[in-house]
Amino acid sequence: MTQPRLATATEHGRMYARKVDGEPTVPSITTVIGQFAQDLGGWHGYMAAKAALEDDRMLRAGRSTGLKHAVIRDAAAAAERYRDQAAARGDRVHNYCEAVALRELGRENQVAETRDTLRAHGETDWADRFDEWWDLYQPEPLAAEVTVWNHTVGYAGTLDLVARIGGRVCIIDYKTKGTDRKNRVKPLDAKVIMQLVAGVKAEEYLVDAETGQWEPWEYGDAPVLLGVALGETEVKPQQANPALLKDSWFKFCALRKVWEYHRSVDSIAADGAVQPLMPVVPPPPRVTLPEQNAS
């Protein structure tokens, strides 16, 4: 994932400042959504088993304790390696998509350079499929990689694209996806609805990062929230169902509160003045009084 200018990685997740070198004060949209826990244990186990079986050292590992531990260590980290590689590829594809939008806006861009970077990594198929989607849907860019802020709830984020398609304003988020066994792009996660609705609910957008100049957000009534799955074989755009936007917004706001609670508890514990868990001493022994003689 790319790092917007005002975003900073912190112990509480990615956070945004109001200007360059400013103090980060609010969490990013993706950090808030990240509070929604997902069980990835099965996927991690699958990736580890797959990496171990495909490791050329596997047959020799039984005769060497050191080699066996190396195979286990590398297999255990397979999921993280895959995640990091996919994130890096996603950054390269997003950079190309942003460059295309900037070119359409008549602004300085690096279309040739970003495509060359994709070519160097054998990833031009993603760029080719994106170009096909762009020609087919003919979006008219209004803003690209625009940073937005919501004071009321307390969050910020960077939107991939705001564009007019077929005469309607769309908030667009790109997701680079792999390909399934049928050679189709894998589907979007439904959590993208929260990301899109948080974008449309913004109150300000960034004009100048150096001076911290912000202006009122003018696309809060965008009628179409569009998630676009970018694959090497096809591009699949999907609109967020309007019937789910209200509940998705409430869910996002609840996750924002969860983030705040986590930060509060973690900050108190990190301070050292308050211990999360305190020792408990056993109670004093019970004293049995002698029975009084009957009078």
C-alpha atoms as a PDB file:
ATOM      1  CA  MET A   1       0.000   0.000   0.000  1.00  0.00           C
ATOM      2  CA  THR A   2       1.260   3.431  -0.881  1.00  0.00           C
ATOM      3  CA  GLN A   3       1.951   5.958   1.867  1.00  0.00           C
ATOM      4  CA  PRO A   4       0.156   9.291   1.347  1.00  0.00           C
ATOM      5  CA  ARG A   5       2.146  12.385   2.324  1.00  0.00           C
ATOM      6  CA  LEU A   6       0.211  13.108   5.502  1.00  0.00           C
ATOM      7  CA  ALA A   7      -0.014   9.490   6.644  1.00  0.00           C
ATOM      8  CA  THR A   8       2.346   7.953   9.199  1.00  0.00           C
ATOM      9  CA  ALA A   9       2.691   4.382  10.420  1.00  0.00           C
ATOM     10  CA  THR A  10       2.282   4.358  14.211  1.00  0.00           C
ATOM     11  CA  GLU A  11       1.872   1.765  16.937  1.00  0.00           C
ATOM     12  CA  HIS A  12      -1.870   2.386  16.628  1.00  0.00           C
ATOM     13  CA  GLY A  13      -1.910   1.832  12.861  1.00  0.00           C
ATOM     14  CA  ARG A  14      -1.676   4.336  10.055  1.00  0.00           C
ATOM     15  CA  MET A  15      -2.653   7.846  11.172  1.00  0.00           C
ATOM     16  CA  TYR A  16      -3.027  11.193   9.434  1.00  0.00           C
ATOM     17  CA  ALA A  17      -1.792  14.688  10.247  1.00  0.00           C
ATOM     18  CA  ARG A  18      -3.273  17.947   9.026  1.00  0.00           C
ATOM     19  CA  LYS A  19      -0.075  19.051   7.272  1.00  0.00           C
ATOM     20  CA  VAL A  20       3.453  17.907   6.497  1.00  0.00           C
ATOM     21  CA  ASP A  21       5.457  17.355   9.738  1.00  0.00           C
ATOM     22  CA  GLY A  22       2.257  17.774  11.745  1.00  0.00           C
ATOM     23  CA  GLU A  23       1.207  15.522  14.614  1.00  0.00           C
ATOM     24  CA  PRO A  24      -0.850  12.491  13.493  1.00  0.00           C
ATOM     25  CA  THR A  25      -4.233  12.809  15.170  1.00  0.00           C
ATOM     26  CA  VAL A  26      -6.759  10.535  13.460  1.00  0.00           C
ATOM     27  CA  PRO A  27      -6.660   6.972  12.119  1.00  0.00           C
ATOM     28  CA  SER A  28      -6.850   6.127   8.445  1.00  0.00           C
ATOM     29  CA  ILE A  29      -9.967   4.604   6.944  1.00  0.00           C
ATOM     30  CA  THR A  30      -8.187   1.285   6.404  1.00  0.00           C
ATOM     31  CA  THR A  31      -6.891   1.261   9.991  1.00  0.00           C
ATOM     32  CA  VAL A  32     -10.437   1.690  11.284  1.00  0.00           C
ATOM     33  CA  ILE A  33     -11.743  -1.105   9.054  1.00  0.00           C
ATOM     34  CA  GLY A  34      -8.833  -3.254  10.227  1.00  0.00           C
ATOM     35  CA  GLN A  35     -10.459  -3.388  13.693  1.00  0.00           C
ATOM     36  CA  PHE A  36     -12.918  -5.863  12.168  1.00  0.00           C
ATOM     37  CA  ALA A  37     -11.193  -9.125  12.992  1.00  0.00           C
ATOM     38  CA  GLN A  38     -10.929 -11.882  10.392  1.00  0.00           C
ATOM     39  CA  ASP A  39      -9.828 -15.455  11.020  1.00  0.00           C
ATOM     40  CA  LEU A  40      -6.986 -16.085   8.560  1.00  0.00           C
ATOM     41  CA  GLY A  41      -5.670 -19.156  10.356  1.00  0.00           C
ATOM     42  CA  GLY A  42      -6.762 -21.538   7.611  1.00  0.00           C
ATOM     43  CA  TRP A  43      -5.124 -19.453   4.894  1.00  0.00           C
ATOM     44  CA  HIS A  44      -1.884 -19.124   6.858  1.00  0.00           C
ATOM     45  CA  GLY A  45      -1.812 -22.891   7.394  1.00  0.00           C
ATOM     46  CA  TYR A  46      -2.443 -23.570   3.702  1.00  0.00           C
ATOM     47  CA  MET A  47       0.311 -21.195   2.611  1.00  0.00           C
ATOM     48  CA  ALA A  48       2.774 -22.773   5.059  1.00  0.00           C
ATOM     49  CA  ALA A  49       1.959 -26.324   3.927  1.00  0.00           C
ATOM     50  CA  LYS A  50       2.179 -25.317   0.256  1.00  0.00           C
ATOM     51  CA  ALA A  51       5.541 -23.621   0.759  1.00  0.00           C
ATOM     52  CA  ALA A  52       6.948 -26.659   2.585  1.00  0.00           C
ATOM     53  CA  LEU A  53       5.813 -29.132  -0.084  1.00  0.00           C
ATOM     54  CA  GLU A  54       7.217 -26.978  -2.878  1.00  0.00           C
ATOM     55  CA  ASP A  55      10.566 -26.435  -1.137  1.00  0.00           C
ATOM     56  CA  ASP A  56      13.379 -28.209  -3.012  1.00  0.00           C
ATOM     57  CA  ARG A  57      15.150 -28.804   0.298  1.00  0.00           C
ATOM     58  CA  MET A  58      12.284 -30.894   1.676  1.00  0.00           C
ATOM     59  CA  LEU A  59      13.732 -34.303   0.713  1.00  0.00           C
ATOM     60  CA  ARG A  60      17.098 -33.517   2.301  1.00  0.00           C
ATOM     61  CA  ALA A  61      15.637 -31.907   5.420  1.00  0.00           C
ATOM     62  CA  GLY A  62      15.076 -35.261   7.142  1.00  0.00           C
ATOM     63  CA  ARG A  63      18.828 -35.846   7.305  1.00  0.00           C
ATOM     64  CA  SER A  64      19.720 -32.401   8.629  1.00  0.00           C
ATOM     65  CA  THR A  65      18.263 -30.775  11.723  1.00  0.00           C
ATOM     66  CA  GLY A  66      19.476 -27.345  10.639  1.00  0.00           C
ATOM     67  CA  LEU A  67      17.973 -27.696   7.169  1.00  0.00           C
ATOM     68  CA  LYS A  68      14.705 -28.949   8.632  1.00  0.00           C
ATOM     69  CA  HIS A  69      14.419 -25.896  10.866  1.00  0.00           C
ATOM     70  CA  ALA A  70      15.217 -23.638   7.867  1.00  0.00           C
ATOM     71  CA  VAL A  71      12.407 -25.213   5.842  1.00  0.00           C
ATOM     72  CA  ILE A  72       9.983 -24.833   8.768  1.00  0.00           C
ATOM     73  CA  ARG A  73      11.021 -21.209   9.345  1.00  0.00           C
ATOM     74  CA  ASP A  74      10.605 -20.273   5.681  1.00  0.00           C
ATOM     75  CA  ALA A  75       7.283 -22.119   5.393  1.00  0.00           C
ATOM     76  CA  ALA A  76       5.941 -20.376   8.494  1.00  0.00           C
ATOM     77  CA  ALA A  77       6.654 -16.987   6.890  1.00  0.00           C
ATOM     78  CA  ALA A  78       5.079 -17.899   3.513  1.00  0.00           C
ATOM     79  CA  ALA A  79       1.825 -16.031   4.160  1.00  0.00           C
ATOM     80  CA  GLU A  80       3.665 -12.852   5.148  1.00  0.00           C
ATOM     81  CA  ARG A  81       5.887 -13.052   2.056  1.00  0.00           C
ATOM     82  CA  TYR A  82       2.862 -13.477  -0.189  1.00  0.00           C
ATOM     83  CA  ARG A  83       1.093 -10.560   1.507  1.00  0.00           C
ATOM     84  CA  ASP A  84       4.108  -8.282   1.127  1.00  0.00           C
ATOM     85  CA  GLN A  85       4.618  -9.238  -2.519  1.00  0.00           C
ATOM     86  CA  ALA A  86       0.929  -8.645  -3.282  1.00  0.00           C
ATOM     87  CA  ALA A  87       1.056  -5.267  -1.511  1.00  0.00           C
ATOM     88  CA  ALA A  88       4.114  -4.206  -3.513  1.00  0.00           C
ATOM     89  CA  ARG A  89       2.426  -5.242  -6.758  1.00  0.00           C
ATOM     90  CA  GLY A  90      -0.699  -3.361  -5.679  1.00  0.00           C
ATOM     91  CA  ASP A  91       1.362  -0.208  -5.162  1.00  0.00           C
ATOM     92  CA  ARG A  92       2.863  -0.486  -8.640  1.00  0.00           C
ATOM     93  CA  VAL A  93      -0.532  -1.006 -10.269  1.00  0.00           C
ATOM     94  CA  HIS A  94      -2.104   1.838  -8.262  1.00  0.00           C
ATOM     95  CA  ASN A  95       0.732   4.144  -9.296  1.00  0.00           C
ATOM     96  CA  TYR A  96      -0.021   3.416 -12.934  1.00  0.00           C
ATOM     97  CA  CYS A  97      -3.755   3.990 -12.449  1.00  0.00           C
ATOM     98  CA  GLU A  98      -3.081   7.294 -10.724  1.00  0.00           C
ATOM     99  CA  ALA A  99      -0.728   8.364 -13.528  1.00  0.00           C
ATOM    100  CA  VAL A 100      -3.392   7.664 -16.155  1.00  0.00           C
ATOM    101  CA  ALA A 101      -5.917   9.793 -14.248  1.00  0.00           C
ATOM    102  CA  LEU A 102      -3.409  12.630 -13.858  1.00  0.00           C
ATOM    103  CA  ARG A 103      -2.724  12.506 -17.585  1.00  0.00           C
ATOM    104  CA  GLU A 104      -6.439  12.851 -18.279  1.00  0.00           C
ATOM    105  CA  LEU A 105      -6.570  15.807 -15.876  1.00  0.00           C
ATOM    106  CA  GLY A 106      -3.779  17.495 -17.845  1.00  0.00           C
ATOM    107  CA  ARG A 107      -1.404  17.343 -14.901  1.00  0.00           C
ATOM    108  CA  GLU A 108       2.180  16.140 -14.639  1.00  0.00           C
ATOM    109  CA  ASN A 109       2.257  12.358 -14.688  1.00  0.00           C
ATOM    110  CA  GLN A 110       4.514   9.325 -14.958  1.00  0.00           C
ATOM    111  CA  VAL A 111       2.494   7.024 -17.173  1.00  0.00           C
ATOM    112  CA  ALA A 112       5.536   5.808 -19.121  1.00  0.00           C
ATOM    113  CA  GLU A 113       7.683   5.351 -16.000  1.00  0.00           C
ATOM    114  CA  THR A 114       5.043   3.456 -14.022  1.00  0.00           C
ATOM    115  CA  ARG A 115       4.329   1.174 -16.978  1.00  0.00           C
ATOM    116  CA  ASP A 116       8.064   0.505 -17.344  1.00  0.00           C
ATOM    117  CA  THR A 117       8.147  -0.465 -13.657  1.00  0.00           C
ATOM    118  CA  LEU A 118       5.305  -2.915 -14.214  1.00  0.00           C
ATOM    119  CA  ARG A 119       7.110  -4.306 -17.250  1.00  0.00           C
ATOM    120  CA  ALA A 120      10.268  -4.854 -15.200  1.00  0.00           C
ATOM    121  CA  HIS A 121       8.239  -7.009 -12.786  1.00  0.00           C
ATOM    122  CA  GLY A 122       6.338  -8.885 -15.509  1.00  0.00           C
ATOM    123  CA  GLU A 123       3.071  -7.176 -14.517  1.00  0.00           C
ATOM    124  CA  THR A 124       2.009  -5.330 -17.665  1.00  0.00           C
ATOM    125  CA  ASP A 125      -1.115  -7.503 -17.915  1.00  0.00           C
ATOM    126  CA  TRP A 126      -2.626  -5.501 -15.055  1.00  0.00           C
ATOM    127  CA  ALA A 127      -1.929  -2.251 -16.912  1.00  0.00           C
ATOM    128  CA  ASP A 128      -3.346  -3.657 -20.161  1.00  0.00           C
ATOM    129  CA  ARG A 129      -6.573  -4.770 -18.478  1.00  0.00           C
ATOM    130  CA  PHE A 130      -6.879  -1.399 -16.745  1.00  0.00           C
ATOM    131  CA  ASP A 131      -6.469   0.412 -20.067  1.00  0.00           C
ATOM    132  CA  GLU A 132      -9.215  -1.741 -21.548  1.00  0.00           C
ATOM    133  CA  TRP A 133     -11.526  -0.901 -18.640  1.00  0.00           C
ATOM    134  CA  TRP A 134     -10.680   2.801 -18.936  1.00  0.00           C
ATOM    135  CA  ASP A 135     -11.478   2.824 -22.668  1.00  0.00           C
ATOM    136  CA  LEU A 136     -14.726   0.913 -22.119  1.00  0.00           C
ATOM    137  CA  TYR A 137     -16.118   2.965 -19.216  1.00  0.00           C
ATOM    138  CA  GLN A 138     -14.531   6.282 -20.248  1.00  0.00           C
ATOM    139  CA  PRO A 139     -14.301   7.880 -16.774  1.00  0.00           C
ATOM    140  CA  GLU A 140     -13.858  11.638 -16.649  1.00  0.00           C
ATOM    141  CA  PRO A 141     -11.509  12.218 -13.676  1.00  0.00           C
ATOM    142  CA  LEU A 142     -12.415  14.916 -11.178  1.00  0.00           C
ATOM    143  CA  ALA A 143      -9.731  14.110  -8.567  1.00  0.00           C
ATOM    144  CA  ALA A 144      -7.058  11.429  -8.207  1.00  0.00           C
ATOM    145  CA  GLU A 145      -5.432  10.194  -4.983  1.00  0.00           C
ATOM    146  CA  VAL A 146      -7.317  12.817  -3.019  1.00  0.00           C
ATOM    147  CA  THR A 147      -6.886  12.906   0.776  1.00  0.00           C
ATOM    148  CA  VAL A 148     -10.098  13.490   2.743  1.00  0.00           C
ATOM    149  CA  TRP A 149     -10.903  14.202   6.406  1.00  0.00           C
ATOM    150  CA  ASN A 150     -13.907  13.756   8.674  1.00  0.00           C
ATOM    151  CA  HIS A 151     -13.801  15.791  11.913  1.00  0.00           C
ATOM    152  CA  THR A 152     -17.103  14.572  13.338  1.00  0.00           C
ATOM    153  CA  VAL A 153     -16.140  10.899  13.530  1.00  0.00           C
ATOM    154  CA  GLY A 154     -12.381  11.452  13.446  1.00  0.00           C
ATOM    155  CA  TYR A 155     -10.659   9.772  10.520  1.00  0.00           C
ATOM    156  CA  ALA A 156      -8.902  10.501   7.242  1.00  0.00           C
ATOM    157  CA  GLY A 157      -8.037   8.594   4.104  1.00  0.00           C
ATOM    158  CA  THR A 158      -6.942   8.805   0.496  1.00  0.00           C
ATOM    159  CA  LEU A 159      -9.382   7.974  -2.295  1.00  0.00           C
ATOM    160  CA  ASP A 160      -8.100   6.425  -5.511  1.00  0.00           C
ATOM    161  CA  LEU A 161     -10.347   8.326  -7.905  1.00  0.00           C
ATOM    162  CA  VAL A 162     -13.368  10.569  -8.137  1.00  0.00           C
ATOM    163  CA  ALA A 163     -14.724  10.529 -11.682  1.00  0.00           C
ATOM    164  CA  ARG A 164     -17.837  11.066 -13.725  1.00  0.00           C
ATOM    165  CA  ILE A 165     -18.966   7.937 -15.564  1.00  0.00           C
ATOM    166  CA  GLY A 166     -22.027   8.070 -17.782  1.00  0.00           C
ATOM    167  CA  GLY A 167     -22.835  11.497 -16.377  1.00  0.00           C
ATOM    168  CA  ARG A 168     -22.824  10.313 -12.734  1.00  0.00           C
ATOM    169  CA  VAL A 169     -20.189  11.141 -10.125  1.00  0.00           C
ATOM    170  CA  CYS A 170     -18.468   8.033  -8.764  1.00  0.00           C
ATOM    171  CA  ILE A 171     -16.196   7.455  -5.776  1.00  0.00           C
ATOM    172  CA  ILE A 172     -13.827   4.709  -6.961  1.00  0.00           C
ATOM    173  CA  ASP A 173     -11.500   2.395  -5.087  1.00  0.00           C
ATOM    174  CA  TYR A 174      -9.130   0.036  -6.924  1.00  0.00           C
ATOM    175  CA  LYS A 175      -8.255  -3.384  -5.540  1.00  0.00           C
ATOM    176  CA  THR A 176      -5.604  -5.486  -7.260  1.00  0.00           C
ATOM    177  CA  LYS A 177      -6.728  -9.104  -7.175  1.00  0.00           C
ATOM    178  CA  GLY A 178      -5.341 -12.467  -8.193  1.00  0.00           C
ATOM    179  CA  THR A 179      -6.883 -14.885 -10.668  1.00  0.00           C
ATOM    180  CA  ASP A 180      -8.857 -18.022  -9.804  1.00  0.00           C
ATOM    181  CA  ARG A 181      -8.680 -21.447 -11.429  1.00  0.00           C
ATOM    182  CA  LYS A 182     -11.213 -20.388 -14.038  1.00  0.00           C
ATOM    183  CA  ASN A 183      -8.937 -17.534 -15.111  1.00  0.00           C
ATOM    184  CA  ARG A 184     -11.316 -14.961 -13.623  1.00  0.00           C
ATOM    185  CA  VAL A 185     -10.381 -12.108 -11.334  1.00  0.00           C
ATOM    186  CA  LYS A 186     -11.126 -12.909  -7.692  1.00  0.00           C
ATOM    187  CA  PRO A 187     -14.109 -11.072  -6.188  1.00  0.00           C
ATOM    188  CA  LEU A 188     -13.934  -7.992  -3.993  1.00  0.00           C
ATOM    189  CA  ASP A 189     -14.305  -8.249  -0.233  1.00  0.00           C
ATOM    190  CA  ALA A 190     -17.576  -6.717   0.970  1.00  0.00           C
ATOM    191  CA  LYS A 191     -15.571  -4.543   3.402  1.00  0.00           C
ATOM    192  CA  VAL A 192     -14.842  -2.255   0.455  1.00  0.00           C
ATOM    193  CA  ILE A 193     -18.335  -0.828   1.017  1.00  0.00           C
ATOM    194  CA  MET A 194     -17.212   0.607   4.364  1.00  0.00           C
ATOM    195  CA  GLN A 195     -14.160   2.134   2.706  1.00  0.00           C
ATOM    196  CA  LEU A 196     -16.252   3.751  -0.005  1.00  0.00           C
ATOM    197  CA  VAL A 197     -18.950   5.056   2.320  1.00  0.00           C
ATOM    198  CA  ALA A 198     -16.291   6.526   4.637  1.00  0.00           C
ATOM    199  CA  GLY A 199     -14.889   8.332   1.610  1.00  0.00           C
ATOM    200  CA  VAL A 200     -18.194   9.810   0.531  1.00  0.00           C
ATOM    201  CA  LYS A 201     -18.912  10.877   4.149  1.00  0.00           C
ATOM    202  CA  ALA A 202     -15.755  13.032   4.261  1.00  0.00           C
ATOM    203  CA  GLU A 203     -16.086  16.673   5.270  1.00  0.00           C
ATOM    204  CA  GLU A 204     -12.885  18.152   3.813  1.00  0.00           C
ATOM    205  CA  TYR A 205     -10.306  17.387   1.159  1.00  0.00           C
ATOM    206  CA  LEU A 206      -6.636  18.331   1.058  1.00  0.00           C
ATOM    207  CA  VAL A 207      -5.561  21.190  -1.195  1.00  0.00           C
ATOM    208  CA  ASP A 208      -1.964  21.788  -0.040  1.00  0.00           C
ATOM    209  CA  ALA A 209      -0.095  19.342   2.190  1.00  0.00           C
ATOM    210  CA  GLU A 210       2.755  21.763   2.977  1.00  0.00           C
ATOM    211  CA  THR A 211       0.555  24.528   4.362  1.00  0.00           C
ATOM    212  CA  GLY A 212      -2.221  22.262   5.599  1.00  0.00           C
ATOM    213  CA  GLN A 213      -4.856  23.903   3.414  1.00  0.00           C
ATOM    214  CA  TRP A 214      -8.172  22.027   3.285  1.00  0.00           C
ATOM    215  CA  GLU A 215     -11.437  22.811   1.531  1.00  0.00           C
ATOM    216  CA  PRO A 216     -15.019  21.538   2.064  1.00  0.00           C
ATOM    217  CA  TRP A 217     -15.617  18.157   0.446  1.00  0.00           C
ATOM    218  CA  GLU A 218     -17.791  18.668  -2.618  1.00  0.00           C
ATOM    219  CA  TYR A 219     -18.612  15.061  -3.510  1.00  0.00           C
ATOM    220  CA  GLY A 220     -20.546  14.015  -0.426  1.00  0.00           C
ATOM    221  CA  ASP A 221     -23.617  13.372  -2.573  1.00  0.00           C
ATOM    222  CA  ALA A 222     -21.869  11.142  -5.119  1.00  0.00           C
ATOM    223  CA  PRO A 223     -24.563   8.661  -6.190  1.00  0.00           C
ATOM    224  CA  VAL A 224     -22.267   5.783  -7.166  1.00  0.00           C
ATOM    225  CA  LEU A 225     -19.674   4.083  -4.953  1.00  0.00           C
ATOM    226  CA  LEU A 226     -17.608   1.780  -7.124  1.00  0.00           C
ATOM    227  CA  GLY A 227     -15.140  -0.942  -6.184  1.00  0.00           C
ATOM    228  CA  VAL A 228     -12.952  -2.017  -9.100  1.00  0.00           C
ATOM    229  CA  ALA A 229     -11.194  -5.390  -8.967  1.00  0.00           C
ATOM    230  CA  LEU A 230      -8.075  -5.162 -11.135  1.00  0.00           C
ATOM    231  CA  GLY A 231      -6.709  -8.499 -12.343  1.00  0.00           C
ATOM    232  CA  GLU A 232      -4.286  -9.708 -14.968  1.00  0.00           C
ATOM    233  CA  THR A 233      -7.086 -11.343 -16.999  1.00  0.00           C
ATOM    234  CA  GLU A 234      -9.960  -8.907 -16.513  1.00  0.00           C
ATOM    235  CA  VAL A 235     -11.301  -5.936 -14.555  1.00  0.00           C
ATOM    236  CA  LYS A 236     -14.546  -6.306 -12.639  1.00  0.00           C
ATOM    237  CA  PRO A 237     -16.239  -3.119 -11.356  1.00  0.00           C
ATOM    238  CA  GLN A 238     -18.954  -3.514  -8.717  1.00  0.00           C
ATOM    239  CA  GLN A 239     -21.241  -0.891  -7.211  1.00  0.00           C
ATOM    240  CA  ALA A 240     -21.884  -0.758  -3.478  1.00  0.00           C
ATOM    241  CA  ASN A 241     -25.527  -1.644  -2.915  1.00  0.00           C
ATOM    242  CA  PRO A 242     -27.321   1.556  -1.798  1.00  0.00           C
ATOM    243  CA  ALA A 243     -29.452  -0.527   0.594  1.00  0.00           C
ATOM    244  CA  LEU A 244     -26.315  -1.359   2.620  1.00  0.00           C
ATOM    245  CA  LEU A 245     -24.729   2.095   2.832  1.00  0.00           C
ATOM    246  CA  LYS A 246     -26.484   3.257   6.009  1.00  0.00           C
ATOM    247  CA  ASP A 247     -25.648   0.131   8.010  1.00  0.00           C
ATOM    248  CA  SER A 248     -22.111   0.049   6.597  1.00  0.00           C
ATOM    249  CA  TRP A 249     -21.618   3.628   7.812  1.00  0.00           C
ATOM    250  CA  PHE A 250     -22.882   2.735  11.309  1.00  0.00           C
ATOM    251  CA  LYS A 251     -20.544  -0.265  11.336  1.00  0.00           C
ATOM    252  CA  PHE A 252     -17.606   1.916  10.343  1.00  0.00           C
ATOM    253  CA  CYS A 253     -18.420   4.419  13.105  1.00  0.00           C
ATOM    254  CA  ALA A 254     -18.596   1.577  15.638  1.00  0.00           C
ATOM    255  CA  LEU A 255     -15.187   0.308  14.503  1.00  0.00           C
ATOM    256  CA  ARG A 256     -13.826   3.840  14.938  1.00  0.00           C
ATOM    257  CA  LYS A 257     -14.903   3.671  18.599  1.00  0.00           C
ATOM    258  CA  VAL A 258     -13.243   0.267  18.931  1.00  0.00           C
ATOM    259  CA  TRP A 259     -10.003   1.778  17.624  1.00  0.00           C
ATOM    260  CA  GLU A 260     -10.243   4.559  20.220  1.00  0.00           C
ATOM    261  CA  TYR A 261     -10.819   2.066  23.033  1.00  0.00           C
ATOM    262  CA  HIS A 262      -7.841  -0.003  21.905  1.00  0.00           C
ATOM    263  CA  ARG A 263      -5.618   3.065  21.809  1.00  0.00           C
ATOM    264  CA  SER A 264      -6.754   4.232  25.248  1.00  0.00           C
ATOM    265  CA  VAL A 265      -6.134   0.870  26.899  1.00  0.00           C
ATOM    266  CA  ASP A 266      -2.795   0.362  25.131  1.00  0.00           C
ATOM    267  CA  SER A 267      -1.631   3.882  26.031  1.00  0.00           C
ATOM    268  CA  ILE A 268      -2.461   3.402  29.716  1.00  0.00           C
ATOM    269  CA  ALA A 269      -0.648   0.063  29.757  1.00  0.00           C
ATOM    270  CA  ALA A 270       2.387   1.492  27.933  1.00  0.00           C
ATOM    271  CA  ASP A 271       2.656   4.328  30.438  1.00  0.00           C
ATOM    272  CA  GLY A 272       3.631   1.854  33.165  1.00  0.00           C
ATOM    273  CA  ALA A 273       1.831   3.776  35.890  1.00  0.00           C
ATOM    274  CA  VAL A 274      -1.164   1.474  35.650  1.00  0.00           C
ATOM    275  CA  GLN A 275      -0.681  -2.284  35.441  1.00  0.00           C
ATOM    276  CA  PRO A 276      -3.193  -4.145  33.253  1.00  0.00           C
ATOM    277  CA  LEU A 277      -3.088  -7.165  35.550  1.00  0.00           C
ATOM    278  CA  MET A 278      -2.432  -6.899  39.267  1.00  0.00           C
ATOM    279  CA  PRO A 279      -1.204  -9.591  41.674  1.00  0.00           C
ATOM    280  CA  VAL A 280      -3.688 -10.982  44.126  1.00  0.00           C
ATOM    281  CA  VAL A 281      -2.595 -12.189  47.576  1.00  0.00           C
ATOM    282  CA  PRO A 282      -4.407 -15.005  49.302  1.00  0.00           C
ATOM    283  CA  PRO A 283      -6.975 -13.980  51.907  1.00  0.00           C
ATOM    284  CA  PRO A 284      -6.002 -14.129  55.614  1.00  0.00           C
ATOM    285  CA  PRO A 285      -6.644 -17.439  57.308  1.00  0.00           C
ATOM    286  CA  ARG A 286      -9.999 -17.851  58.863  1.00  0.00           C
ATOM    287  CA  VAL A 287     -10.058 -17.571  62.662  1.00  0.00           C
ATOM    288  CA  THR A 288     -12.334 -20.024  64.437  1.00  0.00           C
ATOM    289  CA  LEU A 289     -13.535 -18.722  67.782  1.00  0.00           C
ATOM    290  CA  PRO A 290     -13.949 -21.278  70.636  1.00  0.00           C
ATOM    291  CA  GLU A 291     -17.503 -22.064  71.500  1.00  0.00           C
ATOM    292  CA  GLN A 292     -18.668 -20.330  74.667  1.00  0.00           C
ATOM    293  CA  ASN A 293     -19.784 -22.513  77.548  1.00  0.00           C
ATOM    294  CA  ALA A 294     -23.473 -22.625  77.967  1.00  0.00           C
ATOM    295  CA  SER A 295     -24.541 -20.598  80.999  1.00  0.00           C
END
